[in-house]
């Protein structure tokens, strides 16, 4: 896996932390996500830009930790999953693993393995959750590994200093 994350206060975790998270979630986390979290338990990636083939430019602000640091404001994968699925805002087959600066989520589909982007600020209360996901969510990579490999440090021109 070709991603280094800047450490931003997440404590190192071990296999027991992964097992505890999986027990809370009720399912096994995808192996590539676990490998990344064991290496770097969340954080800001040094390659944060994702430029899709259709020209969409998105930035990953941070990867969510499996186990947030004690006393930290930052929520982890388990908390985010439980809250968002509990409120009907995310499908239960998706695992939130990263977010952009606006709180929009990058999700890993546990069934297909694809990664999709869910802009939470486009939610329409007059639509069902399924209608919102269908309208707003979009696939950004065919797999977690493809997502990681597609990240670049080459910011779009409009985002450069």
C-alpha atoms as a PDB file:
ATOM      1  CA  UNK A   1       0.000   0.000   0.000  1.00  0.00           C
ATOM      2  CA  UNK A   2       1.432   3.312  -1.104  1.00  0.00           C
ATOM      3  CA  UNK A   3       0.115   5.905   1.325  1.00  0.00           C
ATOM      4  CA  UNK A   4       1.828   7.720   4.124  1.00  0.00           C
ATOM      5  CA  UNK A   5      -0.251   9.744   6.512  1.00  0.00           C
ATOM      6  CA  UNK A   6       0.863  12.702   8.537  1.00  0.00           C
ATOM      7  CA  UNK A   7       0.411  11.821  12.164  1.00  0.00           C
ATOM      8  CA  UNK A   8      -2.153  14.049  13.761  1.00  0.00           C
ATOM      9  CA  UNK A   9      -2.459  12.638  17.239  1.00  0.00           C
ATOM     10  CA  UNK A  10      -3.907   9.184  16.668  1.00  0.00           C
ATOM     11  CA  UNK A  11      -2.458   6.599  18.988  1.00  0.00           C
ATOM     12  CA  UNK A  12      -1.008   3.430  17.472  1.00  0.00           C
ATOM     13  CA  UNK A  13      -3.397   0.471  17.478  1.00  0.00           C
ATOM     14  CA  UNK A  14      -2.996  -3.281  17.362  1.00  0.00           C
ATOM     15  CA  UNK A  15      -5.003  -6.276  16.183  1.00  0.00           C
ATOM     16  CA  UNK A  16      -7.034  -6.330  19.426  1.00  0.00           C
ATOM     17  CA  UNK A  17      -8.323  -2.821  18.660  1.00  0.00           C
ATOM     18  CA  UNK A  18      -9.418  -3.983  15.206  1.00  0.00           C
ATOM     19  CA  UNK A  19     -11.181  -7.003  16.720  1.00  0.00           C
ATOM     20  CA  UNK A  20     -12.981  -4.766  19.243  1.00  0.00           C
ATOM     21  CA  UNK A  21     -14.124  -2.400  16.486  1.00  0.00           C
ATOM     22  CA  UNK A  22     -15.340  -5.286  14.335  1.00  0.00           C
ATOM     23  CA  UNK A  23     -17.265  -6.682  17.300  1.00  0.00           C
ATOM     24  CA  UNK A  24     -18.972  -3.303  17.804  1.00  0.00           C
ATOM     25  CA  UNK A  25     -19.777  -3.015  14.103  1.00  0.00           C
ATOM     26  CA  UNK A  26     -20.954  -6.599  13.726  1.00  0.00           C
ATOM     27  CA  UNK A  27     -18.836  -7.278  10.643  1.00  0.00           C
ATOM     28  CA  UNK A  28     -15.210  -7.598   9.564  1.00  0.00           C
ATOM     29  CA  UNK A  29     -13.538  -4.485   8.217  1.00  0.00           C
ATOM     30  CA  UNK A  30     -12.054  -4.730   4.721  1.00  0.00           C
ATOM     31  CA  UNK A  31      -8.444  -6.025   4.862  1.00  0.00           C
ATOM     32  CA  UNK A  32      -6.855  -3.079   2.997  1.00  0.00           C
ATOM     33  CA  UNK A  33      -8.528  -0.619   5.368  1.00  0.00           C
ATOM     34  CA  UNK A  34      -7.329  -2.615   8.391  1.00  0.00           C
ATOM     35  CA  UNK A  35      -3.784  -2.718   6.998  1.00  0.00           C
ATOM     36  CA  UNK A  36      -3.769   1.047   6.547  1.00  0.00           C
ATOM     37  CA  UNK A  37      -5.164   1.664  10.044  1.00  0.00           C
ATOM     38  CA  UNK A  38      -2.633  -0.676  11.664  1.00  0.00           C
ATOM     39  CA  UNK A  39       0.123   1.247   9.881  1.00  0.00           C
ATOM     40  CA  UNK A  40      -1.395   4.708  10.445  1.00  0.00           C
ATOM     41  CA  UNK A  41      -4.561   4.867  12.554  1.00  0.00           C
ATOM     42  CA  UNK A  42      -6.210   7.751  10.740  1.00  0.00           C
ATOM     43  CA  UNK A  43      -4.710  11.069   9.846  1.00  0.00           C
ATOM     44  CA  UNK A  44      -4.136  13.582   7.108  1.00  0.00           C
ATOM     45  CA  UNK A  45      -2.726  12.013   3.945  1.00  0.00           C
ATOM     46  CA  UNK A  46       0.268  13.592   2.291  1.00  0.00           C
ATOM     47  CA  UNK A  47      -1.408  12.833  -1.046  1.00  0.00           C
ATOM     48  CA  UNK A  48      -4.909  14.200  -0.567  1.00  0.00           C
ATOM     49  CA  UNK A  49      -6.287  15.057  -4.008  1.00  0.00           C
ATOM     50  CA  UNK A  50      -8.507  12.791  -6.046  1.00  0.00           C
ATOM     51  CA  UNK A  51      -9.130  13.800  -9.646  1.00  0.00           C
ATOM     52  CA  UNK A  52     -11.725  11.523 -11.218  1.00  0.00           C
ATOM     53  CA  UNK A  53     -11.828  10.653 -14.927  1.00  0.00           C
ATOM     54  CA  UNK A  54     -14.916  12.858 -15.310  1.00  0.00           C
ATOM     55  CA  UNK A  55     -13.009  15.866 -13.957  1.00  0.00           C
ATOM     56  CA  UNK A  56     -14.339  15.959 -10.386  1.00  0.00           C
ATOM     57  CA  UNK A  57     -11.689  17.322  -8.007  1.00  0.00           C
ATOM     58  CA  UNK A  58     -12.011  16.297  -4.390  1.00  0.00           C
ATOM     59  CA  UNK A  59      -9.702  16.482  -1.421  1.00  0.00           C
ATOM     60  CA  UNK A  60      -9.456  14.017   1.435  1.00  0.00           C
ATOM     61  CA  UNK A  61      -9.090  16.000   4.643  1.00  0.00           C
ATOM     62  CA  UNK A  62      -8.504  13.005   6.892  1.00  0.00           C
ATOM     63  CA  UNK A  63      -8.806   9.272   7.215  1.00  0.00           C
ATOM     64  CA  UNK A  64     -10.949   8.228  10.179  1.00  0.00           C
ATOM     65  CA  UNK A  65      -9.205   6.160  12.849  1.00  0.00           C
ATOM     66  CA  UNK A  66     -10.430   2.738  13.927  1.00  0.00           C
ATOM     67  CA  UNK A  67      -9.772   3.827  17.498  1.00  0.00           C
ATOM     68  CA  UNK A  68      -9.769   7.578  18.153  1.00  0.00           C
ATOM     69  CA  UNK A  69      -7.280   8.930  20.645  1.00  0.00           C
ATOM     70  CA  UNK A  70      -8.612   9.073  24.200  1.00  0.00           C
ATOM     71  CA  UNK A  71     -10.275  12.409  24.893  1.00  0.00           C
ATOM     72  CA  UNK A  72     -10.042  13.536  21.271  1.00  0.00           C
ATOM     73  CA  UNK A  73     -12.913  15.349  19.594  1.00  0.00           C
ATOM     74  CA  UNK A  74     -12.346  13.356  16.469  1.00  0.00           C
ATOM     75  CA  UNK A  75     -14.733  10.530  15.782  1.00  0.00           C
ATOM     76  CA  UNK A  76     -13.676   7.210  14.420  1.00  0.00           C
ATOM     77  CA  UNK A  77     -15.030   4.696  11.959  1.00  0.00           C
ATOM     78  CA  UNK A  78     -17.231   2.921  14.535  1.00  0.00           C
ATOM     79  CA  UNK A  79     -18.834   6.087  15.976  1.00  0.00           C
ATOM     80  CA  UNK A  80     -19.446   7.560  12.536  1.00  0.00           C
ATOM     81  CA  UNK A  81     -20.913   4.320  11.182  1.00  0.00           C
ATOM     82  CA  UNK A  82     -23.202   3.805  14.180  1.00  0.00           C
ATOM     83  CA  UNK A  83     -24.510   7.365  14.199  1.00  0.00           C
ATOM     84  CA  UNK A  84     -24.983   7.749  10.456  1.00  0.00           C
ATOM     85  CA  UNK A  85     -26.603   4.357   9.875  1.00  0.00           C
ATOM     86  CA  UNK A  86     -28.676   4.740  13.053  1.00  0.00           C
ATOM     87  CA  UNK A  87     -30.110   7.995  11.713  1.00  0.00           C
ATOM     88  CA  UNK A  88     -30.699   6.429   8.290  1.00  0.00           C
ATOM     89  CA  UNK A  89     -28.189   8.732   6.613  1.00  0.00           C
ATOM     90  CA  UNK A  90     -25.924   5.964   5.297  1.00  0.00           C
ATOM     91  CA  UNK A  91     -26.659   2.480   4.014  1.00  0.00           C
ATOM     92  CA  UNK A  92     -25.579  -0.257   6.423  1.00  0.00           C
ATOM     93  CA  UNK A  93     -23.413  -1.876   3.741  1.00  0.00           C
ATOM     94  CA  UNK A  94     -21.108   1.152   3.656  1.00  0.00           C
ATOM     95  CA  UNK A  95     -18.133   1.886   5.902  1.00  0.00           C
ATOM     96  CA  UNK A  96     -17.119   5.551   6.331  1.00  0.00           C
ATOM     97  CA  UNK A  97     -13.324   5.725   6.300  1.00  0.00           C
ATOM     98  CA  UNK A  98     -12.430   9.308   5.343  1.00  0.00           C
ATOM     99  CA  UNK A  99     -13.942  12.746   4.977  1.00  0.00           C
ATOM    100  CA  UNK A 100     -13.338  16.024   3.247  1.00  0.00           C
ATOM    101  CA  UNK A 101     -13.029  19.372   5.043  1.00  0.00           C
ATOM    102  CA  UNK A 102     -16.801  19.892   4.834  1.00  0.00           C
ATOM    103  CA  UNK A 103     -17.658  16.613   6.559  1.00  0.00           C
ATOM    104  CA  UNK A 104     -18.660  14.828   3.365  1.00  0.00           C
ATOM    105  CA  UNK A 105     -17.805  11.155   3.578  1.00  0.00           C
ATOM    106  CA  UNK A 106     -15.792   8.649   1.585  1.00  0.00           C
ATOM    107  CA  UNK A 107     -17.400   5.240   1.975  1.00  0.00           C
ATOM    108  CA  UNK A 108     -16.312   1.702   1.246  1.00  0.00           C
ATOM    109  CA  UNK A 109     -19.114  -0.565   0.019  1.00  0.00           C
ATOM    110  CA  UNK A 110     -18.777  -3.853   1.915  1.00  0.00           C
ATOM    111  CA  UNK A 111     -20.570  -5.783  -0.839  1.00  0.00           C
ATOM    112  CA  UNK A 112     -18.991  -4.474  -4.051  1.00  0.00           C
ATOM    113  CA  UNK A 113     -15.713  -3.129  -2.615  1.00  0.00           C
ATOM    114  CA  UNK A 114     -16.146   0.154  -4.491  1.00  0.00           C
ATOM    115  CA  UNK A 115     -15.420   3.523  -2.899  1.00  0.00           C
ATOM    116  CA  UNK A 116     -17.965   6.245  -3.190  1.00  0.00           C
ATOM    117  CA  UNK A 117     -18.270   9.860  -2.136  1.00  0.00           C
ATOM    118  CA  UNK A 118     -21.377  10.998  -0.261  1.00  0.00           C
ATOM    119  CA  UNK A 119     -21.845  14.775  -0.080  1.00  0.00           C
ATOM    120  CA  UNK A 120     -23.825  15.193   3.135  1.00  0.00           C
ATOM    121  CA  UNK A 121     -24.602  18.839   2.373  1.00  0.00           C
ATOM    122  CA  UNK A 122     -26.823  17.835  -0.569  1.00  0.00           C
ATOM    123  CA  UNK A 123     -29.319  15.942   1.588  1.00  0.00           C
ATOM    124  CA  UNK A 124     -32.948  16.607   0.637  1.00  0.00           C
ATOM    125  CA  UNK A 125     -35.365  15.994   3.511  1.00  0.00           C
ATOM    126  CA  UNK A 126     -38.233  15.524   1.034  1.00  0.00           C
ATOM    127  CA  UNK A 127     -36.535  12.444  -0.430  1.00  0.00           C
ATOM    128  CA  UNK A 128     -36.039   9.012   1.065  1.00  0.00           C
ATOM    129  CA  UNK A 129     -32.559   7.986   2.144  1.00  0.00           C
ATOM    130  CA  UNK A 130     -32.278   5.686  -0.889  1.00  0.00           C
ATOM    131  CA  UNK A 131     -33.245   8.556  -3.214  1.00  0.00           C
ATOM    132  CA  UNK A 132     -30.630  10.810  -1.618  1.00  0.00           C
ATOM    133  CA  UNK A 133     -27.900   8.167  -1.952  1.00  0.00           C
ATOM    134  CA  UNK A 134     -28.825   7.514  -5.562  1.00  0.00           C
ATOM    135  CA  UNK A 135     -28.909  11.200  -6.483  1.00  0.00           C
ATOM    136  CA  UNK A 136     -25.901  12.476  -4.554  1.00  0.00           C
ATOM    137  CA  UNK A 137     -23.535   9.572  -3.983  1.00  0.00           C
ATOM    138  CA  UNK A 138     -21.042   8.754  -6.703  1.00  0.00           C
ATOM    139  CA  UNK A 139     -18.432   6.089  -7.221  1.00  0.00           C
ATOM    140  CA  UNK A 140     -14.890   7.467  -7.114  1.00  0.00           C
ATOM    141  CA  UNK A 141     -12.895   4.205  -7.252  1.00  0.00           C
ATOM    142  CA  UNK A 142     -13.495   0.536  -7.967  1.00  0.00           C
ATOM    143  CA  UNK A 143     -11.709  -0.538  -4.766  1.00  0.00           C
ATOM    144  CA  UNK A 144     -10.032   0.830  -1.663  1.00  0.00           C
ATOM    145  CA  UNK A 145      -6.617   0.090  -3.160  1.00  0.00           C
ATOM    146  CA  UNK A 146      -7.580   1.919  -6.384  1.00  0.00           C
ATOM    147  CA  UNK A 147      -8.713   4.879  -4.261  1.00  0.00           C
ATOM    148  CA  UNK A 148      -5.416   5.000  -2.353  1.00  0.00           C
ATOM    149  CA  UNK A 149      -3.418   4.617  -5.570  1.00  0.00           C
ATOM    150  CA  UNK A 150      -5.369   7.453  -7.239  1.00  0.00           C
ATOM    151  CA  UNK A 151      -4.573  10.001  -4.514  1.00  0.00           C
ATOM    152  CA  UNK A 152      -2.093  12.641  -5.622  1.00  0.00           C
ATOM    153  CA  UNK A 153      -0.296  15.597  -4.076  1.00  0.00           C
ATOM    154  CA  UNK A 154      -0.776  17.528  -7.323  1.00  0.00           C
ATOM    155  CA  UNK A 155      -3.475  20.022  -6.327  1.00  0.00           C
ATOM    156  CA  UNK A 156      -5.717  21.454  -9.037  1.00  0.00           C
ATOM    157  CA  UNK A 157      -4.651  24.877 -10.266  1.00  0.00           C
ATOM    158  CA  UNK A 158      -7.520  26.653  -8.483  1.00  0.00           C
ATOM    159  CA  UNK A 159      -6.361  25.200  -5.119  1.00  0.00           C
ATOM    160  CA  UNK A 160      -2.709  26.163  -5.368  1.00  0.00           C
ATOM    161  CA  UNK A 161      -1.268  29.018  -3.305  1.00  0.00           C
END
